[in-house]
PDB file of N, CA and C in Angstrom:
ATOM      1  N   MET A   1      46.925  16.486  34.164  1.00  0.00           N
ATOM      2  CA  MET A   1      47.782  15.381  34.571  1.00  0.00           C
ATOM      3  C   MET A   1      49.235  15.841  34.475  1.00  0.00           C
ATOM      4  N   PRO A   2      50.016  15.598  35.523  1.00  0.00           N
ATOM      5  CA  PRO A   2      51.402  16.050  35.500  1.00  0.00           C
ATOM      6  C   PRO A   2      52.222  15.282  34.472  1.00  0.00           C
ATOM      7  N   GLY A   3      53.192  15.978  33.903  1.00  0.00           N
ATOM      8  CA  GLY A   3      54.066  15.366  32.917  1.00  0.00           C
ATOM      9  C   GLY A   3      55.149  14.528  33.563  1.00  0.00           C
ATOM     10  N   PRO A   4      55.883  13.781  32.743  1.00  0.00           N
ATOM     11  CA  PRO A   4      56.934  12.902  33.277  1.00  0.00           C
ATOM     12  C   PRO A   4      58.051  13.660  33.986  1.00  0.00           C
ATOM     13  N   VAL A   5      58.365  14.868  33.525  1.00  0.00           N
ATOM     14  CA  VAL A   5      59.426  15.642  34.176  1.00  0.00           C
ATOM     15  C   VAL A   5      59.024  15.986  35.607  1.00  0.00           C
ATOM     16  N   PHE A   6      57.769  16.378  35.800  1.00  0.00           N
ATOM     17  CA  PHE A   6      57.257  16.713  37.127  1.00  0.00           C
ATOM     18  C   PHE A   6      57.316  15.498  38.044  1.00  0.00           C
ATOM     19  N   LEU A   7      56.926  14.339  37.530  1.00  0.00           N
ATOM     20  CA  LEU A   7      56.938  13.116  38.337  1.00  0.00           C
ATOM     21  C   LEU A   7      58.359  12.700  38.715  1.00  0.00           C
ATOM     22  N   LEU A   8      59.285  12.795  37.769  1.00  0.00           N
ATOM     23  CA  LEU A   8      60.667  12.436  38.065  1.00  0.00           C
ATOM     24  C   LEU A   8      61.299  13.402  39.053  1.00  0.00           C
ATOM     25  N   LYS A   9      60.973  14.692  38.927  1.00  0.00           N
ATOM     26  CA  LYS A   9      61.515  15.687  39.860  1.00  0.00           C
ATOM     27  C   LYS A   9      61.065  15.372  41.286  1.00  0.00           C
ATOM     28  N   GLY A  10      59.785  15.017  41.461  1.00  0.00           N
ATOM     29  CA  GLY A  10      59.275  14.679  42.788  1.00  0.00           C
ATOM     30  C   GLY A  10      59.908  13.431  43.357  1.00  0.00           C
ATOM     31  N   LYS A  11      60.251  12.494  42.492  1.00  0.00           N
ATOM     32  CA  LYS A  11      60.845  11.245  42.963  1.00  0.00           C
ATOM     33  C   LYS A  11      62.298  11.434  43.404  1.00  0.00           C
ATOM     34  N   PHE A  12      63.071  12.199  42.637  1.00  0.00           N
ATOM     35  CA  PHE A  12      64.495  12.337  42.924  1.00  0.00           C
ATOM     36  C   PHE A  12      64.836  13.576  43.745  1.00  0.00           C
ATOM     37  N   LEU A  13      63.946  14.559  43.791  1.00  0.00           N
ATOM     38  CA  LEU A  13      64.158  15.767  44.590  1.00  0.00           C
ATOM     39  C   LEU A  13      62.930  16.007  45.475  1.00  0.00           C
ATOM     40  N   PRO A  14      62.746  15.203  46.521  1.00  0.00           N
ATOM     41  CA  PRO A  14      61.562  15.371  47.369  1.00  0.00           C
ATOM     42  C   PRO A  14      61.587  16.714  48.101  1.00  0.00           C
ATOM     43  N   PRO A  15      60.420  17.200  48.539  1.00  0.00           N
ATOM     44  CA  PRO A  15      60.388  18.475  49.266  1.00  0.00           C
ATOM     45  C   PRO A  15      61.168  18.386  50.574  1.00  0.00           C
ATOM     46  N   LYS A  16      61.697  19.515  51.005  1.00  0.00           N
ATOM     47  CA  LYS A  16      62.461  19.566  52.250  1.00  0.00           C
ATOM     48  C   LYS A  16      61.534  19.403  53.448  1.00  0.00           C
ATOM     49  N   GLN A  17      62.042  18.783  54.492  1.00  0.00           N
ATOM     50  CA  GLN A  17      61.281  18.602  55.720  1.00  0.00           C
ATOM     51  C   GLN A  17      61.140  19.936  56.450  1.00  0.00           C
ATOM     52  N   ILE A  18      59.986  20.156  57.046  1.00  0.00           N
ATOM     53  CA  ILE A  18      59.747  21.366  57.828  1.00  0.00           C
ATOM     54  C   ILE A  18      60.468  21.222  59.161  1.00  0.00           C
ATOM     55  N   THR A  19      61.215  22.247  59.534  1.00  0.00           N
ATOM     56  CA  THR A  19      61.927  22.225  60.811  1.00  0.00           C
ATOM     57  C   THR A  19      61.503  23.375  61.720  1.00  0.00           C
ATOM     58  N   THR A  20      60.575  24.198  61.260  1.00  0.00           N
ATOM     59  CA  THR A  20      60.087  25.318  62.057  1.00  0.00           C
ATOM     60  C   THR A  20      59.382  24.795  63.303  1.00  0.00           C
ATOM     61  N   THR A  21      59.627  25.403  64.428  1.00  0.00           N
ATOM     62  CA  THR A  21      58.959  24.995  65.654  1.00  0.00           C
ATOM     63  C   THR A  21      57.552  25.594  65.718  1.00  0.00           C
ATOM     64  N   PHE A  22      56.619  24.837  66.240  1.00  0.00           N
ATOM     65  CA  PHE A  22      55.252  25.311  66.426  1.00  0.00           C
ATOM     66  C   PHE A  22      54.956  25.494  67.912  1.00  0.00           C
ATOM     67  N   GLU A  23      56.005  25.757  68.689  1.00  0.00           N
ATOM     68  CA  GLU A  23      55.877  25.969  70.127  1.00  0.00           C
ATOM     69  C   GLU A  23      54.912  27.126  70.386  1.00  0.00           C
ATOM     70  N   SER A  24      54.031  26.958  71.343  1.00  0.00           N
ATOM     71  CA  SER A  24      52.996  27.915  71.751  1.00  0.00           C
ATOM     72  C   SER A  24      51.953  28.162  70.660  1.00  0.00           C
ATOM     73  N   LYS A  25      51.794  27.213  69.733  1.00  0.00           N
ATOM     74  CA  LYS A  25      50.785  27.312  68.681  1.00  0.00           C
ATOM     75  C   LYS A  25      49.746  26.221  68.864  1.00  0.00           C
ATOM     76  N   THR A  26      48.513  26.533  68.470  1.00  0.00           N
ATOM     77  CA  THR A  26      47.438  25.553  68.448  1.00  0.00           C
ATOM     78  C   THR A  26      47.158  25.203  66.997  1.00  0.00           C
ATOM     79  N   VAL A  27      47.072  23.901  66.702  1.00  0.00           N
ATOM     80  CA  VAL A  27      46.892  23.423  65.336  1.00  0.00           C
ATOM     81  C   VAL A  27      45.668  22.521  65.291  1.00  0.00           C
ATOM     82  N   ILE A  28      44.828  22.691  64.267  1.00  0.00           N
ATOM     83  CA  ILE A  28      43.686  21.810  64.039  1.00  0.00           C
ATOM     84  C   ILE A  28      43.971  21.009  62.777  1.00  0.00           C
ATOM     85  N   VAL A  29      43.865  19.679  62.877  1.00  0.00           N
ATOM     86  CA  VAL A  29      44.096  18.806  61.729  1.00  0.00           C
ATOM     87  C   VAL A  29      42.834  17.997  61.495  1.00  0.00           C
ATOM     88  N   THR A  30      42.214  18.158  60.321  1.00  0.00           N
ATOM     89  CA  THR A  30      41.016  17.385  60.000  1.00  0.00           C
ATOM     90  C   THR A  30      41.410  16.054  59.383  1.00  0.00           C
ATOM     91  N   GLY A  31      40.571  15.059  59.570  1.00  0.00           N
ATOM     92  CA  GLY A  31      40.853  13.728  59.040  1.00  0.00           C
ATOM     93  C   GLY A  31      42.097  13.127  59.629  1.00  0.00           C
ATOM     94  N   SER A  32      42.309  13.347  60.912  1.00  0.00           N
ATOM     95  CA  SER A  32      43.587  12.994  61.531  1.00  0.00           C
ATOM     96  C   SER A  32      43.637  11.600  62.139  1.00  0.00           C
ATOM     97  N   ASN A  33      42.643  10.762  61.859  1.00  0.00           N
ATOM     98  CA  ASN A  33      42.703   9.419  62.431  1.00  0.00           C
ATOM     99  C   ASN A  33      43.376   8.416  61.492  1.00  0.00           C
ATOM    100  N   ASN A  34      43.667   8.805  60.244  1.00  0.00           N
ATOM    101  CA  ASN A  34      44.400   7.917  59.335  1.00  0.00           C
ATOM    102  C   ASN A  34      44.978   8.698  58.160  1.00  0.00           C
ATOM    103  N   GLY A  35      45.862   8.064  57.422  1.00  0.00           N
ATOM    104  CA  GLY A  35      46.403   8.632  56.196  1.00  0.00           C
ATOM    105  C   GLY A  35      47.216   9.901  56.388  1.00  0.00           C
ATOM    106  N   VAL A  36      47.014  10.829  55.451  1.00  0.00           N
ATOM    107  CA  VAL A  36      47.774  12.080  55.444  1.00  0.00           C
ATOM    108  C   VAL A  36      47.476  12.918  56.683  1.00  0.00           C
ATOM    109  N   GLY A  37      46.221  12.940  57.114  1.00  0.00           N
ATOM    110  CA  GLY A  37      45.855  13.704  58.306  1.00  0.00           C
ATOM    111  C   GLY A  37      46.562  13.198  59.549  1.00  0.00           C
ATOM    112  N   TYR A  38      46.665  11.885  59.681  1.00  0.00           N
ATOM    113  CA  TYR A  38      47.361  11.298  60.829  1.00  0.00           C
ATOM    114  C   TYR A  38      48.845  11.671  60.790  1.00  0.00           C
ATOM    115  N   ALA A  39      49.463  11.541  59.612  1.00  0.00           N
ATOM    116  CA  ALA A  39      50.878  11.881  59.476  1.00  0.00           C
ATOM    117  C   ALA A  39      51.111  13.362  59.763  1.00  0.00           C
ATOM    118  N   THR A  40      50.183  14.205  59.351  1.00  0.00           N
ATOM    119  CA  THR A  40      50.294  15.643  59.601  1.00  0.00           C
ATOM    120  C   THR A  40      50.198  15.947  61.087  1.00  0.00           C
ATOM    121  N   ALA A  41      49.238  15.342  61.772  1.00  0.00           N
ATOM    122  CA  ALA A  41      49.098  15.552  63.215  1.00  0.00           C
ATOM    123  C   ALA A  41      50.344  15.084  63.953  1.00  0.00           C
ATOM    124  N   LEU A  42      50.868  13.952  63.550  1.00  0.00           N
ATOM    125  CA  LEU A  42      52.083  13.427  64.167  1.00  0.00           C
ATOM    126  C   LEU A  42      53.254  14.384  63.964  1.00  0.00           C
ATOM    127  N   LYS A  43      53.366  14.956  62.788  1.00  0.00           N
ATOM    128  CA  LYS A  43      54.452  15.900  62.490  1.00  0.00           C
ATOM    129  C   LYS A  43      54.333  17.155  63.350  1.00  0.00           C
ATOM    130  N   TYR A  44      53.103  17.679  63.526  1.00  0.00           N
ATOM    131  CA  TYR A  44      52.921  18.856  64.366  1.00  0.00           C
ATOM    132  C   TYR A  44      53.307  18.569  65.817  1.00  0.00           C
ATOM    133  N   VAL A  45      53.015  17.383  66.300  1.00  0.00           N
ATOM    134  CA  VAL A  45      53.418  17.008  67.661  1.00  0.00           C
ATOM    135  C   VAL A  45      54.942  16.963  67.748  1.00  0.00           C
ATOM    136  N   GLN A  46      55.585  16.407  66.723  1.00  0.00           N
ATOM    137  CA  GLN A  46      57.046  16.346  66.705  1.00  0.00           C
ATOM    138  C   GLN A  46      57.668  17.734  66.633  1.00  0.00           C
ATOM    139  N   LEU A  47      56.944  18.696  66.037  1.00  0.00           N
ATOM    140  CA  LEU A  47      57.442  20.065  65.932  1.00  0.00           C
ATOM    141  C   LEU A  47      57.039  20.919  67.133  1.00  0.00           C
ATOM    142  N   ALA A  48      56.634  20.288  68.225  1.00  0.00           N
ATOM    143  CA  ALA A  48      56.382  20.914  69.530  1.00  0.00           C
ATOM    144  C   ALA A  48      55.188  21.856  69.558  1.00  0.00           C
ATOM    145  N   ALA A  49      54.137  21.565  68.785  1.00  0.00           N
ATOM    146  CA  ALA A  49      52.919  22.371  68.891  1.00  0.00           C
ATOM    147  C   ALA A  49      52.355  22.198  70.298  1.00  0.00           C
ATOM    148  N   SER A  50      51.903  23.306  70.904  1.00  0.00           N
ATOM    149  CA  SER A  50      51.415  23.208  72.281  1.00  0.00           C
ATOM    150  C   SER A  50      50.086  22.461  72.348  1.00  0.00           C
ATOM    151  N   THR A  51      49.225  22.628  71.345  1.00  0.00           N
ATOM    152  CA  THR A  51      47.951  21.922  71.301  1.00  0.00           C
ATOM    153  C   THR A  51      47.692  21.467  69.871  1.00  0.00           C
ATOM    154  N   VAL A  52      47.388  20.177  69.701  1.00  0.00           N
ATOM    155  CA  VAL A  52      47.007  19.646  68.396  1.00  0.00           C
ATOM    156  C   VAL A  52      45.598  19.089  68.547  1.00  0.00           C
ATOM    157  N   ILE A  53      44.658  19.663  67.812  1.00  0.00           N
ATOM    158  CA  ILE A  53      43.262  19.242  67.852  1.00  0.00           C
ATOM    159  C   ILE A  53      43.026  18.292  66.690  1.00  0.00           C
ATOM    160  N   LEU A  54      42.595  17.064  67.014  1.00  0.00           N
ATOM    161  CA  LEU A  54      42.339  16.059  65.995  1.00  0.00           C
ATOM    162  C   LEU A  54      40.877  16.134  65.572  1.00  0.00           C
ATOM    163  N   GLY A  55      40.636  16.508  64.339  1.00  0.00           N
ATOM    164  CA  GLY A  55      39.272  16.555  63.805  1.00  0.00           C
ATOM    165  C   GLY A  55      38.947  15.237  63.138  1.00  0.00           C
ATOM    166  N   VAL A  56      38.036  14.468  63.738  1.00  0.00           N
ATOM    167  CA  VAL A  56      37.681  13.145  63.216  1.00  0.00           C
ATOM    168  C   VAL A  56      36.160  12.992  63.199  1.00  0.00           C
ATOM    169  N   ARG A  57      35.672  12.043  62.414  1.00  0.00           N
ATOM    170  CA  ARG A  57      34.229  11.764  62.363  1.00  0.00           C
ATOM    171  C   ARG A  57      33.798  10.802  63.459  1.00  0.00           C
ATOM    172  N   SER A  58      34.678   9.878  63.798  1.00  0.00           N
ATOM    173  CA  SER A  58      34.347   8.829  64.753  1.00  0.00           C
ATOM    174  C   SER A  58      35.192   8.999  66.020  1.00  0.00           C
ATOM    175  N   LEU A  59      34.525   9.174  67.144  1.00  0.00           N
ATOM    176  CA  LEU A  59      35.243   9.374  68.404  1.00  0.00           C
ATOM    177  C   LEU A  59      36.140   8.186  68.769  1.00  0.00           C
ATOM    178  N   PRO A  60      35.675   6.930  68.641  1.00  0.00           N
ATOM    179  CA  PRO A  60      36.580   5.810  68.974  1.00  0.00           C
ATOM    180  C   PRO A  60      37.836   5.782  68.104  1.00  0.00           C
ATOM    181  N   LYS A  61      37.695   6.076  66.807  1.00  0.00           N
ATOM    182  CA  LYS A  61      38.862   6.108  65.929  1.00  0.00           C
ATOM    183  C   LYS A  61      39.775   7.274  66.294  1.00  0.00           C
ATOM    184  N   GLY A  62      39.197   8.382  66.707  1.00  0.00           N
ATOM    185  CA  GLY A  62      39.982   9.530  67.146  1.00  0.00           C
ATOM    186  C   GLY A  62      40.761   9.223  68.412  1.00  0.00           C
ATOM    187  N   GLU A  63      40.129   8.542  69.348  1.00  0.00           N
ATOM    188  CA  GLU A  63      40.814   8.149  70.586  1.00  0.00           C
ATOM    189  C   GLU A  63      41.961   7.196  70.299  1.00  0.00           C
ATOM    190  N   LEU A  64      41.759   6.285  69.337  1.00  0.00           N
ATOM    191  CA  LEU A  64      42.827   5.359  68.954  1.00  0.00           C
ATOM    192  C   LEU A  64      44.001   6.119  68.330  1.00  0.00           C
ATOM    193  N   ALA A  65      43.698   7.056  67.438  1.00  0.00           N
ATOM    194  CA  ALA A  65      44.753   7.868  66.827  1.00  0.00           C
ATOM    195  C   ALA A  65      45.488   8.677  67.886  1.00  0.00           C
ATOM    196  N   LYS A  66      44.748   9.239  68.838  1.00  0.00           N
ATOM    197  CA  LYS A  66      45.362  10.020  69.912  1.00  0.00           C
ATOM    198  C   LYS A  66      46.336   9.176  70.724  1.00  0.00           C
ATOM    199  N   SER A  67      45.926   7.945  71.051  1.00  0.00           N
ATOM    200  CA  SER A  67      46.806   7.097  71.849  1.00  0.00           C
ATOM    201  C   SER A  67      48.067   6.718  71.074  1.00  0.00           C
ATOM    202  N   HIS A  68      47.943   6.507  69.765  1.00  0.00           N
ATOM    203  CA  HIS A  68      49.127   6.192  68.943  1.00  0.00           C
ATOM    204  C   HIS A  68      50.057   7.394  68.843  1.00  0.00           C
ATOM    205  N   ILE A  69      49.487   8.582  68.689  1.00  0.00           N
ATOM    206  CA  ILE A  69      50.306   9.790  68.591  1.00  0.00           C
ATOM    207  C   ILE A  69      51.019  10.083  69.906  1.00  0.00           C
ATOM    208  N   GLU A  70      50.345   9.864  71.032  1.00  0.00           N
ATOM    209  CA  GLU A  70      50.955  10.120  72.330  1.00  0.00           C
ATOM    210  C   GLU A  70      52.134   9.189  72.629  1.00  0.00           C
ATOM    211  N   LYS A  71      52.163   8.019  72.016  1.00  0.00           N
ATOM    212  CA  LYS A  71      53.288   7.099  72.212  1.00  0.00           C
ATOM    213  C   LYS A  71      54.470   7.670  71.491  1.00  0.00           C
TER     214      LYS A  71
END
């Protein structure tokens, strides 16, 4: 279990945002229809990945996530 110093450091000094471009890269994100996986897939799209493959268990939920990401 992390100590209080570790927790406070994360709260007041969050990690830096990734700004590296993923142009001409293909990325596979598992669990990408909700939660952390969805946020990760969205970030890769924002970073100009040429192809983002959404790995999901349910095709309808994957299609819904895809339509939200494309907006």
